[in-house]
């Protein structure tokens, strides 16, 4: 039986960052599942900030930034032709970031001031990691740095969201958290997923319309990236858009157009040989959730839709985006990176396929809860339990791999 050693986490950036991201992911999933099951168990929870804001904050800016950091400092040097990043220089920012979130979690239930302090600590730690990303990009002489630049810019947006959330709580403005978190989701995490999907996946590249590729080779990237840019601005605008029917029509039209373009890029691969590969197939499904999210969000912006149903459509769209697209893409990518770098010959094995299948069930359950409130008392706990099983299984399994010697006996 291989020996697990904490020191092994410092041998590569993805080992350190993925391990602690997995801890965040599993704990956040356990925390939210416990909240969903608390009423049935007769347990009372105290909240010092709105539960939906706390949920959005930790789920968006807890595990995701660390997964992004691990990926960026593993793939980034290859993209940018820079020397490998020493994981030891990341250990204190990662540790302080995690400690900040522990304080913030306590503050969600004990006091807004403590939550503000925890978020401020996490923001300070994240600023160090974001600075290293910016330096990695700035020192590169590689001609094509567009994807890496976008990831670094998104890291700055996540920093602004963490700092803005801490400031809002410190000033007693918890009502502003929803808009800040939504902007951080779009301008931060969503930008990263879109640009990385464009770089790593053939589905989102050129080839749909050769005449357009010839005139504007980067049109798929900018069309897809326009969604988080516009939706992030709309999130901050918030209530001011409610009475502006023309703006809402334009937002709906923009999402519908990009959804159509994205579907055209994705569906042309149906039946093609690459989709027979387990890893490619596992990455293809989240793109369909991306398309579904854009359609749901487009409908939610239509002024002719009744406000209560519009809200349900928006919630369904956001969770389709986060659980379906981001969750599915993240599960596939971090599984592949941790498995292959741990010397496993088969990255997408039976366990990975089962986790992916359970994730699809989880997304469907969460959509049912959003669109049909009468089903939420069953669908929400099912979704929470599914997400917990996926997160917990991944964290336990891959967390063990990340601290063990390579399975193939090779060094590294």
Protein backbone atom coordinates (compact mmCIF):
# COMPACT_ATOMS: atom_id res chain seq x y z
CA UNK A 1 0.00 0.00 0.00
CA UNK A 2 1.61 3.31 -1.05
CA UNK A 3 2.34 5.75 1.75
CA UNK A 4 0.51 9.09 1.67
CA UNK A 5 2.79 12.02 2.53
CA UNK A 6 1.77 15.66 2.94
CA UNK A 7 5.19 16.69 1.61
CA UNK A 8 4.29 15.11 -1.75
CA UNK A 9 1.71 17.86 -2.26
CA UNK A 10 4.59 20.32 -2.66
CA UNK A 11 6.04 18.45 -5.63
CA UNK A 12 3.73 20.09 -8.17
CA UNK A 13 1.26 23.03 -8.18
CA UNK A 14 -1.70 20.88 -9.19
CA UNK A 15 -1.10 18.50 -6.27
CA UNK A 16 -1.16 21.26 -3.67
CA UNK A 17 -4.00 23.28 -5.18
CA UNK A 18 -6.21 20.37 -6.24
CA UNK A 19 -5.90 18.76 -2.80
CA UNK A 20 -7.08 21.87 -0.96
CA UNK A 21 -9.66 22.63 -3.65
CA UNK A 22 -11.04 19.13 -3.08
CA UNK A 23 -11.22 19.80 0.66
CA UNK A 24 -13.14 23.03 0.00
CA UNK A 25 -15.41 21.28 -2.48
CA UNK A 26 -16.27 18.39 -0.15
CA UNK A 27 -16.77 20.61 2.92
CA UNK A 28 -18.92 23.10 1.01
CA UNK A 29 -21.04 20.25 -0.35
CA UNK A 30 -21.37 18.71 3.13
CA UNK A 31 -22.32 22.09 4.63
CA UNK A 32 -25.03 22.74 2.05
CA UNK A 33 -26.39 19.20 2.21
CA UNK A 34 -26.61 19.48 6.01
CA UNK A 35 -28.60 22.71 5.60
CA UNK A 36 -31.02 20.98 3.21
CA UNK A 37 -31.56 18.03 5.56
CA UNK A 38 -31.63 20.08 8.80
CA UNK A 39 -35.43 20.70 8.81
CA UNK A 40 -36.19 16.99 8.49
CA UNK A 41 -33.87 16.30 11.43
CA UNK A 42 -35.39 19.06 13.55
CA UNK A 43 -32.17 21.08 13.60
CA UNK A 44 -32.19 24.87 13.63
CA UNK A 45 -29.46 26.83 11.85
CA UNK A 46 -28.64 30.45 12.62
CA UNK A 47 -27.65 32.72 9.74
CA UNK A 48 -26.04 36.15 9.98
CA UNK A 49 -26.08 36.73 6.23
CA UNK A 50 -28.64 35.52 3.64
CA UNK A 51 -28.16 31.75 3.05
CA UNK A 52 -28.33 32.13 -0.73
CA UNK A 53 -25.52 34.71 -0.63
CA UNK A 54 -23.38 32.49 1.62
CA UNK A 55 -24.03 29.52 -0.68
CA UNK A 56 -23.12 31.53 -3.77
CA UNK A 57 -19.98 32.97 -2.20
CA UNK A 58 -18.42 29.72 -1.03
CA UNK A 59 -19.46 27.62 -4.00
CA UNK A 60 -18.20 30.26 -6.46
CA UNK A 61 -15.05 31.53 -4.76
CA UNK A 62 -14.01 28.66 -2.46
CA UNK A 63 -12.94 25.55 -4.42
CA UNK A 64 -13.08 27.01 -7.94
CA UNK A 65 -10.19 29.51 -7.55
CA UNK A 66 -7.91 26.80 -6.19
CA UNK A 67 -8.76 24.41 -9.02
CA UNK A 68 -8.07 27.27 -11.46
CA UNK A 69 -4.76 28.04 -9.73
CA UNK A 70 -3.63 24.42 -9.93
CA UNK A 71 -4.56 24.20 -13.60
CA UNK A 72 -3.03 27.57 -14.52
CA UNK A 73 0.31 26.90 -12.81
CA UNK A 74 0.46 23.44 -14.40
CA UNK A 75 -0.70 24.19 -17.96
CA UNK A 76 0.23 27.89 -18.01
CA UNK A 77 4.02 27.44 -18.17
CA UNK A 78 3.54 25.11 -21.15
CA UNK A 79 1.23 27.59 -22.89
CA UNK A 80 3.62 30.47 -22.25
CA UNK A 81 6.96 28.66 -22.60
CA UNK A 82 7.99 29.54 -19.07
CA UNK A 83 9.83 27.45 -16.44
CA UNK A 84 7.67 25.26 -14.19
CA UNK A 85 6.20 26.89 -11.09
CA UNK A 86 7.57 25.66 -7.77
CA UNK A 87 4.62 24.56 -5.64
CA UNK A 88 6.46 25.58 -2.48
CA UNK A 89 6.00 29.27 -3.27
CA UNK A 90 2.23 28.69 -3.35
CA UNK A 91 1.87 26.89 -0.03
CA UNK A 92 1.37 29.93 2.21
CA UNK A 93 -1.10 31.76 -0.06
CA UNK A 94 -3.12 28.54 -0.42
CA UNK A 95 -3.03 27.92 3.35
CA UNK A 96 -4.05 31.51 4.17
CA UNK A 97 -6.79 31.41 1.54
CA UNK A 98 -8.22 28.27 3.14
CA UNK A 99 -7.93 29.75 6.65
CA UNK A 100 -9.79 32.84 5.47
CA UNK A 101 -12.65 30.72 4.22
CA UNK A 102 -12.78 28.84 7.54
CA UNK A 103 -13.27 32.21 9.29
CA UNK A 104 -15.85 33.27 6.72
CA UNK A 105 -17.82 30.05 7.21
CA UNK A 106 -17.91 30.63 10.96
CA UNK A 107 -19.04 34.18 10.32
CA UNK A 108 -21.91 33.11 8.11
CA UNK A 109 -23.50 31.68 11.27
CA UNK A 110 -21.86 33.66 14.10
CA UNK A 111 -21.56 37.22 12.84
CA UNK A 112 -21.20 39.28 9.67
CA UNK A 113 -18.06 40.99 11.03
CA UNK A 114 -16.27 37.65 11.34
CA UNK A 115 -17.40 36.69 7.83
CA UNK A 116 -16.06 40.03 6.51
CA UNK A 117 -12.71 39.41 8.21
CA UNK A 118 -12.49 35.90 6.75
CA UNK A 119 -13.27 37.10 3.25
CA UNK A 120 -10.69 39.89 3.63
CA UNK A 121 -8.05 37.32 4.61
CA UNK A 122 -9.01 35.13 1.63
CA UNK A 123 -8.82 38.18 -0.65
CA UNK A 124 -5.31 39.03 0.58
CA UNK A 125 -4.15 35.47 -0.06
CA UNK A 126 -5.81 35.39 -3.47
CA UNK A 127 -4.10 38.67 -4.40
CA UNK A 128 -0.74 36.88 -4.07
CA UNK A 129 -1.88 34.05 -6.34
CA UNK A 130 -3.41 36.46 -8.87
CA UNK A 131 -0.18 38.48 -8.90
CA UNK A 132 1.80 35.35 -9.73
CA UNK A 133 -0.58 34.63 -12.62
CA UNK A 134 -0.12 38.17 -13.93
CA UNK A 135 3.66 37.85 -13.65
CA UNK A 136 3.61 34.48 -15.41
CA UNK A 137 1.84 36.08 -18.37
CA UNK A 138 3.85 39.31 -18.36
CA UNK A 139 7.24 37.56 -18.42
CA UNK A 140 6.31 35.33 -21.34
CA UNK A 141 7.55 36.09 -24.85
CA UNK A 142 5.06 33.68 -26.43
CA UNK A 143 3.13 35.40 -29.21
CA UNK A 144 -0.25 33.81 -28.45
CA UNK A 145 -1.06 34.74 -24.85
CA UNK A 146 -4.75 35.56 -25.27
CA UNK A 147 -6.10 32.64 -23.22
CA UNK A 148 -3.58 33.09 -20.42
CA UNK A 149 -4.24 36.85 -20.34
CA UNK A 150 -7.97 36.20 -20.00
CA UNK A 151 -7.41 33.78 -17.10
CA UNK A 152 -5.18 36.31 -15.33
CA UNK A 153 -7.76 39.07 -15.85
CA UNK A 154 -10.46 36.79 -14.45
CA UNK A 155 -8.29 36.19 -11.38
CA UNK A 156 -8.29 39.95 -10.79
CA UNK A 157 -12.09 39.97 -11.12
CA UNK A 158 -12.34 37.22 -8.49
CA UNK A 159 -10.11 39.30 -6.23
CA UNK A 160 -12.43 42.28 -6.67
CA UNK A 161 -15.43 40.09 -5.81
CA UNK A 162 -13.80 38.76 -2.62
CA UNK A 163 -12.75 42.24 -1.54
CA UNK A 164 -16.13 43.73 -2.47
CA UNK A 165 -17.96 41.04 -0.50
CA UNK A 166 -15.80 41.68 2.57
CA UNK A 167 -16.41 45.42 2.30
CA UNK A 168 -20.17 44.97 1.85
CA UNK A 169 -20.40 42.86 4.99
CA UNK A 170 -18.19 45.23 6.96
CA UNK A 171 -20.49 48.12 6.01
CA UNK A 172 -23.64 46.17 6.85
CA UNK A 173 -24.72 45.89 3.21
CA UNK A 174 -25.39 42.17 2.96
CA UNK A 175 -28.12 43.05 0.45
CA UNK A 176 -25.36 43.84 -2.09
CA UNK A 177 -23.80 40.38 -1.88
CA UNK A 178 -26.05 38.74 -4.47
CA UNK A 179 -25.02 41.22 -7.19
CA UNK A 180 -21.33 41.08 -6.24
CA UNK A 181 -21.29 37.27 -6.26
CA UNK A 182 -23.11 37.10 -9.59
CA UNK A 183 -20.60 39.53 -11.14
CA UNK A 184 -17.71 37.48 -9.73
CA UNK A 185 -19.24 34.32 -11.13
CA UNK A 186 -19.50 35.78 -14.63
CA UNK A 187 -16.39 37.97 -14.85
CA UNK A 188 -14.23 35.57 -12.86
CA UNK A 189 -15.03 31.86 -12.96
CA UNK A 190 -17.15 31.83 -16.15
CA UNK A 191 -14.49 33.69 -18.15
CA UNK A 192 -11.89 31.11 -17.13
CA UNK A 193 -14.08 28.17 -18.12
CA UNK A 194 -15.03 29.69 -21.47
CA UNK A 195 -11.48 30.54 -22.55
CA UNK A 196 -10.04 27.24 -21.31
CA UNK A 197 -12.83 25.32 -23.08
CA UNK A 198 -12.02 27.20 -26.27
CA UNK A 199 -8.32 26.40 -26.00
CA UNK A 200 -8.60 22.77 -24.90
CA UNK A 201 -11.62 21.49 -26.82
CA UNK A 202 -12.06 21.06 -30.57
CA UNK A 203 -15.83 21.60 -30.30
CA UNK A 204 -15.53 25.34 -29.79
CA UNK A 205 -12.97 26.05 -32.49
CA UNK A 206 -13.29 27.14 -36.08
CA UNK A 207 -14.71 25.10 -38.91
CA UNK A 208 -18.43 25.82 -38.70
CA UNK A 209 -18.38 28.59 -41.30
CA UNK A 210 -15.11 28.77 -43.31
CA UNK A 211 -15.96 32.19 -44.74
CA UNK A 212 -16.29 33.62 -41.23
CA UNK A 213 -13.13 31.84 -40.05
CA UNK A 214 -11.20 33.47 -42.88
CA UNK A 215 -12.41 36.99 -42.03
CA UNK A 216 -12.36 36.72 -38.21
CA UNK A 217 -10.42 33.66 -36.99
CA UNK A 218 -11.13 34.34 -33.30
CA UNK A 219 -14.88 34.74 -33.61
CA UNK A 220 -15.79 31.61 -31.56
CA UNK A 221 -13.70 32.81 -28.61
CA UNK A 222 -15.08 36.34 -28.62
CA UNK A 223 -18.66 35.25 -29.21
CA UNK A 224 -18.53 32.89 -26.23
CA UNK A 225 -16.58 35.30 -24.01
CA UNK A 226 -19.10 38.06 -24.71
CA UNK A 227 -21.65 36.21 -22.55
CA UNK A 228 -19.81 36.50 -19.20
CA UNK A 229 -18.73 40.05 -20.01
CA UNK A 230 -22.28 41.24 -20.70
CA UNK A 231 -23.97 39.17 -18.00
CA UNK A 232 -21.48 40.34 -15.37
CA UNK A 233 -22.35 43.95 -16.18
CA UNK A 234 -26.05 43.10 -16.08
CA UNK A 235 -25.60 41.47 -12.66
CA UNK A 236 -24.16 44.68 -11.23
CA UNK A 237 -26.85 46.78 -12.90
CA UNK A 238 -29.43 44.64 -11.10
CA UNK A 239 -32.70 46.45 -10.32
CA UNK A 240 -32.01 49.27 -12.77
CA UNK A 241 -32.70 46.89 -15.66
CA UNK A 242 -36.14 45.86 -14.39
CA UNK A 243 -37.89 48.85 -15.89
CA UNK A 244 -35.87 48.97 -19.11
CA UNK A 245 -37.70 46.69 -21.51
CA UNK A 246 -35.43 47.53 -24.45
CA UNK A 247 -32.32 46.53 -22.47
CA UNK A 248 -33.91 43.27 -21.41
CA UNK A 249 -34.83 42.46 -25.02
CA UNK A 250 -31.22 43.14 -26.08
CA UNK A 251 -29.83 40.91 -23.32
CA UNK A 252 -32.21 38.11 -24.31
CA UNK A 253 -31.33 38.50 -27.99
CA UNK A 254 -27.61 38.43 -27.28
CA UNK A 255 -27.91 35.21 -25.29
CA UNK A 256 -30.12 33.60 -27.93
CA UNK A 257 -27.67 34.45 -30.72
CA UNK A 258 -24.67 33.09 -28.82
CA UNK A 259 -26.66 29.98 -27.85
CA UNK A 260 -27.39 29.36 -31.54
CA UNK A 261 -23.72 29.84 -32.49
CA UNK A 262 -22.56 27.61 -29.66
CA UNK A 263 -25.02 24.88 -30.61
CA UNK A 264 -23.79 25.05 -34.19
CA UNK A 265 -20.20 24.66 -33.01
CA UNK A 266 -21.02 21.78 -30.66
CA UNK A 267 -23.60 19.69 -32.51
CA UNK A 268 -21.51 19.35 -35.67
CA UNK A 269 -19.43 16.81 -33.71
CA UNK A 270 -22.32 14.44 -33.05
CA UNK A 271 -21.44 11.04 -34.52
CA UNK A 272 -17.80 11.96 -35.16
CA UNK A 273 -14.99 9.58 -34.06
CA UNK A 274 -13.56 11.89 -31.33
CA UNK A 275 -16.77 11.54 -29.30
CA UNK A 276 -16.11 7.83 -28.90
CA UNK A 277 -13.20 8.65 -26.57
CA UNK A 278 -14.33 8.66 -22.89
CA UNK A 279 -12.53 11.89 -22.02
CA UNK A 280 -13.85 13.77 -25.04
CA UNK A 281 -17.37 12.51 -24.42
CA UNK A 282 -17.14 13.55 -20.77
CA UNK A 283 -16.16 17.07 -21.87
CA UNK A 284 -18.83 17.25 -24.55
CA UNK A 285 -21.81 16.89 -22.20
CA UNK A 286 -21.05 20.07 -20.24
CA UNK A 287 -21.14 22.05 -23.49
CA UNK A 288 -24.75 20.96 -23.97
CA UNK A 289 -25.50 22.24 -20.46
CA UNK A 290 -23.83 25.52 -21.45
CA UNK A 291 -26.21 25.82 -24.39
CA UNK A 292 -29.18 24.99 -22.16
CA UNK A 293 -28.06 27.61 -19.63
CA UNK A 294 -27.92 30.31 -22.30
CA UNK A 295 -31.42 29.43 -23.50
CA UNK A 296 -32.87 29.50 -19.97
CA UNK A 297 -31.18 32.81 -19.18
CA UNK A 298 -32.37 34.31 -22.48
CA UNK A 299 -35.95 33.42 -21.57
CA UNK A 300 -35.50 34.90 -18.10
CA UNK A 301 -34.61 38.31 -19.56
CA UNK A 302 -37.71 38.56 -21.77
CA UNK A 303 -39.91 41.42 -20.49
CA UNK A 304 -43.05 39.51 -21.44
CA UNK A 305 -42.29 36.72 -18.94
CA UNK A 306 -44.04 37.06 -15.57
CA UNK A 307 -41.57 38.17 -12.87
CA UNK A 308 -41.88 35.12 -10.59
CA UNK A 309 -41.37 32.70 -13.49
CA UNK A 310 -38.53 34.89 -14.79
CA UNK A 311 -36.79 34.47 -11.44
CA UNK A 312 -37.21 30.69 -11.60
CA UNK A 313 -35.81 30.62 -15.13
CA UNK A 314 -32.83 32.69 -14.00
CA UNK A 315 -32.15 30.34 -11.09
CA UNK A 316 -32.42 27.35 -13.40
CA UNK A 317 -30.06 29.00 -15.88
CA UNK A 318 -27.44 29.86 -13.24
CA UNK A 319 -27.46 26.34 -11.79
CA UNK A 320 -27.33 24.79 -15.25
CA UNK A 321 -24.27 26.95 -15.90
CA UNK A 322 -22.55 26.23 -12.58
CA UNK A 323 -23.44 22.58 -11.94
CA UNK A 324 -23.87 21.37 -15.50
CA UNK A 325 -21.27 23.26 -17.52
CA UNK A 326 -18.69 24.32 -14.92
CA UNK A 327 -19.16 21.31 -12.64
CA UNK A 328 -19.00 18.84 -15.51
CA UNK A 329 -15.99 20.50 -17.15
CA UNK A 330 -14.18 20.80 -13.84
CA UNK A 331 -14.84 17.16 -12.92
CA UNK A 332 -13.48 15.96 -16.26
CA UNK A 333 -10.41 18.20 -16.33
CA UNK A 334 -9.23 17.80 -12.74
CA UNK A 335 -9.86 14.05 -12.91
CA UNK A 336 -7.71 13.79 -16.02
CA UNK A 337 -4.89 15.97 -14.68
CA UNK A 338 -4.70 14.29 -11.28
CA UNK A 339 -4.99 10.78 -12.74
CA UNK A 340 -2.43 11.15 -15.52
CA UNK A 341 0.08 13.01 -13.33
CA UNK A 342 -0.32 10.27 -10.73
CA UNK A 343 0.76 7.64 -13.25
CA UNK A 344 -2.69 6.15 -13.93
CA UNK A 345 -2.96 4.81 -17.47
CA UNK A 346 -6.75 5.27 -17.57
CA UNK A 347 -7.91 8.74 -16.52
CA UNK A 348 -11.63 8.16 -17.14
CA UNK A 349 -12.28 4.84 -15.47
CA UNK A 350 -15.48 3.26 -14.13
CA UNK A 351 -15.56 5.45 -11.01
CA UNK A 352 -15.10 8.62 -13.05
CA UNK A 353 -17.92 7.61 -15.40
CA UNK A 354 -20.24 6.89 -12.49
CA UNK A 355 -19.46 10.23 -10.87
CA UNK A 356 -20.16 11.94 -14.17
CA UNK A 357 -23.50 10.12 -14.48
CA UNK A 358 -24.44 11.09 -10.92
CA UNK A 359 -23.56 14.69 -11.72
CA UNK A 360 -26.07 14.66 -14.60
CA UNK A 361 -28.78 13.44 -12.21
CA UNK A 362 -27.80 16.17 -9.75
CA UNK A 363 -28.16 18.88 -12.39
CA UNK A 364 -31.59 17.61 -13.44
CA UNK A 365 -32.76 17.52 -9.80
CA UNK A 366 -31.57 21.09 -9.23
CA UNK A 367 -33.36 22.25 -12.38
CA UNK A 368 -36.58 20.62 -11.23
CA UNK A 369 -36.29 22.43 -7.89
CA UNK A 370 -35.76 25.77 -9.63
CA UNK A 371 -38.51 25.48 -12.23
CA UNK A 372 -41.16 23.70 -10.11
CA UNK A 373 -41.06 25.00 -6.53
CA UNK A 374 -43.61 22.40 -5.42
CA UNK A 375 -41.02 19.71 -6.16
CA UNK A 376 -38.21 21.51 -4.33
CA UNK A 377 -38.77 19.77 -0.99
CA UNK A 378 -37.67 16.52 -2.65
CA UNK A 379 -35.49 17.73 -5.54
CA UNK A 380 -33.26 20.05 -3.49
CA UNK A 381 -32.14 17.39 -0.99
CA UNK A 382 -31.59 14.97 -3.88
CA UNK A 383 -29.41 17.54 -5.67
CA UNK A 384 -27.52 18.34 -2.46
CA UNK A 385 -26.90 14.64 -1.75
CA UNK A 386 -25.76 14.01 -5.32
CA UNK A 387 -23.33 16.93 -5.25
CA UNK A 388 -21.99 15.75 -1.88
CA UNK A 389 -21.36 12.22 -3.16
CA UNK A 390 -19.57 13.54 -6.26
CA UNK A 391 -17.45 16.00 -4.29
CA UNK A 392 -16.72 13.68 -1.38
CA UNK A 393 -15.80 10.71 -3.58
CA UNK A 394 -13.52 12.83 -5.77
CA UNK A 395 -11.82 14.48 -2.78
CA UNK A 396 -11.18 11.19 -0.97
CA UNK A 397 -10.03 9.28 -4.03
CA UNK A 398 -7.91 11.90 -5.76
CA UNK A 399 -6.75 13.48 -2.53
CA UNK A 400 -5.15 10.13 -1.75
CA UNK A 401 -3.57 9.91 -5.19
CA UNK A 402 -2.15 13.44 -4.95
CA UNK A 403 -0.16 12.56 -1.83
CA UNK A 404 1.12 9.16 -2.97
CA UNK A 405 4.02 8.20 -5.27
CA UNK A 406 3.15 7.68 -8.92
CA UNK A 407 1.33 4.42 -9.59
CA UNK A 408 3.62 3.62 -12.53
CA UNK A 409 6.76 3.97 -10.41
CA UNK A 410 8.14 6.85 -12.48
CA UNK A 411 9.67 9.87 -10.69
CA UNK A 412 7.72 13.11 -10.34
